[in-house]
Amino acid sequence: MHNLNDSIESFARSCFNFALETKQDLWFATKDTISKKYDHTFKDIFQEIFDAEYKTKFEEAGITYFYTLIDDAVARVIRSEGGYIWACKNYDGDVMSDMVATAFGSLSMMTSVLVSPHGYYEYEAAHGTVQRHYYKHLKGEETSTNPIATIFAWTGALRKRGELDNIPELGKFADTLERACIKTIEDGKMTKDLALITTMENPVTLNTQDFISAIRQTLEGLL
């Protein structure tokens, strides 16, 4: 009802443009066998725009556009190694992105990038506000909140800013900060959500502030 054709067209172009920018294949899925008009409209508009505007560009970039039913896409995603863009309608995206992130152990490790058809970018943590931990923090209680997704939202934004303004040093700093986050965890220092699922022996479980401080210490050693 609210996704008129121009909205769907903007969604399609955003997906195609992002796939070209990242040089990754694009998958799109709906349930057009059940929703024969609404979902089928998405399928048709994606295909029409791809054929008219992006097919040659995708061939030149060496990437492909692939359409399938959403249930088939889920089965393929579960057994895949990743490395592609998965375009989902809003509801499918909300459900599947959280499921994929949780399968990897922690929703707090998942980043999110919003891209408009006009080329505007917004980087955010996919998990939203950790409300329960925030209220504990306000009471002065100790928390063990994983800040990785929030940090990577900043590094993504800084990297894009460096790209737009031709400041390679900014992109390099973003890369180094991300390496510092990963190295800190690989060195056995982590928040409670990761300590509960890690296969490492005797991990050091840190509270929110101490984990951020550990990342800073690692970063300073890499700079």
Protein backbone atom coordinates (compact mmCIF):
# COMPACT_ATOMS: atom_id res chain seq x y z
CA MET A 1 0.00 0.00 0.00
CA HIS A 2 2.80 2.42 0.90
CA ASN A 3 5.51 1.06 -1.41
CA LEU A 4 4.46 2.78 -4.60
CA ASN A 5 6.49 2.08 -7.71
CA ASP A 6 8.89 4.99 -7.28
CA SER A 7 9.80 3.72 -3.80
CA ILE A 8 10.47 0.23 -5.14
CA GLU A 9 12.53 1.69 -7.98
CA SER A 10 14.65 3.63 -5.48
CA PHE A 11 15.16 0.45 -3.45
CA ALA A 12 16.23 -1.45 -6.55
CA ARG A 13 18.72 1.19 -7.71
CA SER A 14 20.21 1.44 -4.20
CA CYS A 15 20.82 -2.32 -4.21
CA PHE A 16 22.27 -2.40 -7.72
CA ASN A 17 24.54 0.59 -7.03
CA PHE A 18 25.80 -0.89 -3.77
CA ALA A 19 26.56 -4.21 -5.48
CA LEU A 20 28.56 -2.39 -8.16
CA GLU A 21 30.45 -0.34 -5.57
CA THR A 22 31.41 -3.39 -3.52
CA LYS A 23 31.93 -5.64 -6.60
CA GLN A 24 29.68 -8.34 -5.15
CA ASP A 25 26.86 -10.40 -6.66
CA LEU A 26 23.33 -9.28 -5.81
CA TRP A 27 20.57 -11.65 -4.68
CA PHE A 28 16.93 -10.57 -4.42
CA ALA A 29 14.04 -12.64 -3.13
CA THR A 30 10.30 -12.26 -2.55
CA LYS A 31 7.35 -14.64 -2.22
CA ASP A 32 5.71 -13.81 -5.54
CA THR A 33 4.10 -17.27 -5.78
CA ILE A 34 1.86 -16.33 -2.83
CA SER A 35 1.67 -12.54 -3.06
CA LYS A 36 1.03 -12.59 -6.78
CA LYS A 37 0.56 -8.84 -7.19
CA TYR A 38 2.47 -7.06 -4.39
CA ASP A 39 5.61 -9.20 -4.28
CA HIS A 40 5.51 -9.84 -8.01
CA THR A 41 5.63 -6.08 -8.56
CA PHE A 42 8.93 -5.97 -6.68
CA LYS A 43 10.29 -8.82 -8.79
CA ASP A 44 9.22 -7.19 -12.06
CA ILE A 45 10.56 -3.73 -11.21
CA PHE A 46 13.93 -5.13 -10.10
CA GLN A 47 14.23 -7.10 -13.34
CA GLU A 48 13.14 -4.21 -15.57
CA ILE A 49 15.62 -1.79 -14.00
CA PHE A 50 18.41 -4.36 -14.10
CA ASP A 51 17.85 -5.14 -17.79
CA ALA A 52 17.55 -1.47 -18.78
CA GLU A 53 20.23 0.15 -16.63
CA TYR A 54 22.57 -2.32 -14.96
CA LYS A 55 22.99 -5.51 -16.97
CA THR A 56 25.96 -4.24 -18.98
CA LYS A 57 27.55 -2.63 -15.90
CA PHE A 58 27.27 -5.89 -13.97
CA GLU A 59 28.85 -7.83 -16.84
CA GLU A 60 31.71 -5.35 -17.01
CA ALA A 61 32.22 -5.63 -13.23
CA GLY A 62 32.16 -9.44 -13.41
CA ILE A 63 29.20 -9.77 -11.03
CA THR A 64 25.70 -11.20 -11.41
CA TYR A 65 22.11 -10.47 -10.37
CA PHE A 66 20.17 -13.48 -9.06
CA TYR A 67 16.45 -13.76 -8.19
CA THR A 68 14.79 -16.58 -6.28
CA LEU A 69 11.94 -17.16 -3.81
CA ILE A 70 12.62 -16.00 -0.24
CA ASP A 71 12.44 -19.53 1.22
CA ASP A 72 14.90 -20.79 -1.38
CA ALA A 73 17.15 -17.80 -0.66
CA VAL A 74 17.15 -18.64 3.07
CA ALA A 75 18.19 -22.23 2.33
CA ARG A 76 20.98 -21.01 0.04
CA VAL A 77 22.19 -18.44 2.58
CA ILE A 78 22.41 -21.02 5.38
CA ARG A 79 24.80 -23.21 3.37
CA SER A 80 26.70 -20.41 1.62
CA GLU A 81 30.02 -18.79 2.49
CA GLY A 82 28.64 -15.25 2.00
CA GLY A 83 30.39 -12.65 -0.12
CA TYR A 84 27.32 -11.22 -1.85
CA ILE A 85 24.63 -8.57 -1.33
CA TRP A 86 21.28 -9.99 -0.22
CA ALA A 87 18.47 -7.56 -0.99
CA CYS A 88 15.41 -8.18 1.19
CA LYS A 89 12.04 -6.48 1.49
CA ASN A 90 11.79 -4.72 4.87
CA TYR A 91 10.12 -7.49 6.86
CA ASP A 92 12.36 -10.22 5.44
CA GLY A 93 15.42 -8.08 6.07
CA ASP A 94 14.52 -7.40 9.72
CA VAL A 95 14.00 -11.09 10.44
CA MET A 96 16.84 -12.62 8.43
CA SER A 97 19.58 -10.14 9.30
CA ASP A 98 19.04 -10.74 13.02
CA MET A 99 18.94 -14.51 12.49
CA VAL A 100 22.20 -14.48 10.52
CA ALA A 101 23.89 -12.24 13.10
CA THR A 102 22.74 -14.42 16.00
CA ALA A 103 24.00 -17.54 14.21
CA PHE A 104 27.45 -15.97 14.32
CA GLY A 105 27.15 -15.60 18.09
CA SER A 106 26.22 -12.02 18.89
CA LEU A 107 23.96 -9.41 17.36
CA SER A 108 26.39 -6.83 18.75
CA MET A 109 28.93 -7.81 16.08
CA MET A 110 26.66 -6.81 13.18
CA THR A 111 27.07 -3.54 11.31
CA SER A 112 24.49 -1.80 9.13
CA VAL A 113 24.80 0.58 6.19
CA LEU A 114 21.83 2.50 4.80
CA VAL A 115 22.31 3.67 1.20
CA SER A 116 19.91 5.96 -0.65
CA PRO A 117 19.48 5.93 -4.44
CA HIS A 118 21.04 9.43 -4.37
CA GLY A 119 24.26 8.10 -2.91
CA TYR A 120 23.76 9.17 0.70
CA TYR A 121 25.16 6.80 3.34
CA GLU A 122 24.24 6.20 6.97
CA TYR A 123 26.24 3.81 9.16
CA GLU A 124 24.71 2.38 12.32
CA ALA A 125 24.77 -0.58 14.68
CA ALA A 126 22.11 -3.03 13.54
CA HIS A 127 21.06 -3.98 17.08
CA GLY A 128 19.63 -0.60 18.04
CA THR A 129 19.61 0.57 21.66
CA VAL A 130 20.62 -1.90 24.38
CA GLN A 131 17.89 -0.59 26.67
CA ARG A 132 18.33 -2.97 29.60
CA HIS A 133 22.08 -2.30 29.82
CA TYR A 134 21.53 1.44 29.47
CA TYR A 135 19.18 1.54 32.47
CA LYS A 136 21.75 -0.41 34.51
CA HIS A 137 24.37 2.14 33.47
CA LEU A 138 22.14 5.02 34.61
CA LYS A 139 21.87 3.37 38.04
CA GLY A 140 25.65 3.22 38.25
CA GLU A 141 25.70 -0.55 37.82
CA GLU A 142 28.42 -2.34 35.86
CA THR A 143 27.55 -3.52 32.33
CA SER A 144 29.33 -5.75 29.82
CA THR A 145 27.89 -4.31 26.62
CA ASN A 146 29.65 -5.23 23.37
CA PRO A 147 30.44 -1.95 21.51
CA ILE A 148 31.91 -3.52 18.36
CA ALA A 149 28.94 -2.79 16.06
CA THR A 150 28.86 0.84 17.22
CA ILE A 151 32.62 1.23 16.71
CA PHE A 152 32.35 -0.29 13.23
CA ALA A 153 29.53 2.13 12.42
CA TRP A 154 31.97 4.96 13.12
CA THR A 155 34.80 3.32 11.16
CA GLY A 156 32.48 2.80 8.20
CA ALA A 157 31.44 6.44 8.27
CA LEU A 158 35.03 7.65 8.67
CA ARG A 159 36.20 5.45 5.78
CA LYS A 160 33.44 6.78 3.51
CA ARG A 161 34.22 10.37 4.56
CA GLY A 162 37.87 9.78 3.72
CA GLU A 163 36.86 8.38 0.34
CA LEU A 164 34.57 11.30 -0.46
CA ASP A 165 37.09 13.94 0.67
CA ASN A 166 40.15 12.12 -0.69
CA ILE A 167 41.74 11.73 2.75
CA PRO A 168 43.44 8.30 2.62
CA GLU A 169 44.77 8.76 6.17
CA LEU A 170 41.19 8.70 7.47
CA GLY A 171 40.47 5.42 5.72
CA LYS A 172 43.72 3.97 7.04
CA PHE A 173 42.78 4.97 10.60
CA ALA A 174 39.36 3.30 10.20
CA ASP A 175 41.01 0.10 8.97
CA THR A 176 43.46 0.13 11.87
CA LEU A 177 40.72 0.67 14.46
CA GLU A 178 38.79 -2.30 13.07
CA ARG A 179 41.92 -4.46 13.22
CA ALA A 180 42.42 -3.35 16.83
CA CYS A 181 38.87 -4.47 17.73
CA ILE A 182 39.37 -7.89 16.17
CA LYS A 183 42.86 -8.35 17.61
CA THR A 184 41.65 -7.50 21.12
CA ILE A 185 39.07 -10.28 20.92
CA GLU A 186 41.53 -12.73 19.36
CA ASP A 187 43.90 -11.97 22.24
CA GLY A 188 41.23 -13.30 24.58
CA LYS A 189 39.79 -10.02 25.89
CA MET A 190 36.04 -9.70 25.31
CA THR A 191 32.64 -8.77 26.68
CA LYS A 192 30.32 -11.29 28.35
CA ASP A 193 28.26 -12.10 25.23
CA LEU A 194 31.38 -13.37 23.46
CA ALA A 195 32.93 -15.00 26.54
CA LEU A 196 29.83 -17.21 26.86
CA ILE A 197 30.24 -18.67 23.36
CA THR A 198 33.98 -18.61 22.69
CA THR A 199 36.00 -21.81 22.31
CA MET A 200 39.07 -20.05 23.76
CA GLU A 201 40.36 -21.30 27.08
CA ASN A 202 40.15 -18.86 29.99
CA PRO A 203 38.97 -15.73 28.14
CA VAL A 204 39.18 -12.45 30.04
CA THR A 205 35.63 -11.13 30.49
CA LEU A 206 35.63 -7.34 30.59
CA ASN A 207 32.96 -4.79 31.41
CA THR A 208 32.02 -2.18 28.81
CA GLN A 209 34.54 0.48 29.84
CA ASP A 210 37.44 -1.92 30.34
CA PHE A 211 36.82 -3.52 26.92
CA ILE A 212 36.87 -0.12 25.22
CA SER A 213 40.07 0.70 27.08
CA ALA A 214 41.59 -2.60 25.92
CA ILE A 215 40.72 -1.75 22.31
CA ARG A 216 42.32 1.66 22.74
CA GLN A 217 45.49 0.07 24.09
CA THR A 218 45.62 -2.32 21.12
CA LEU A 219 44.98 0.57 18.73
CA GLU A 220 47.81 2.62 20.14
CA GLY A 221 50.13 -0.33 19.59
CA LEU A 222 49.08 -0.56 15.92
CA LEU A 223 49.29 3.15 15.08
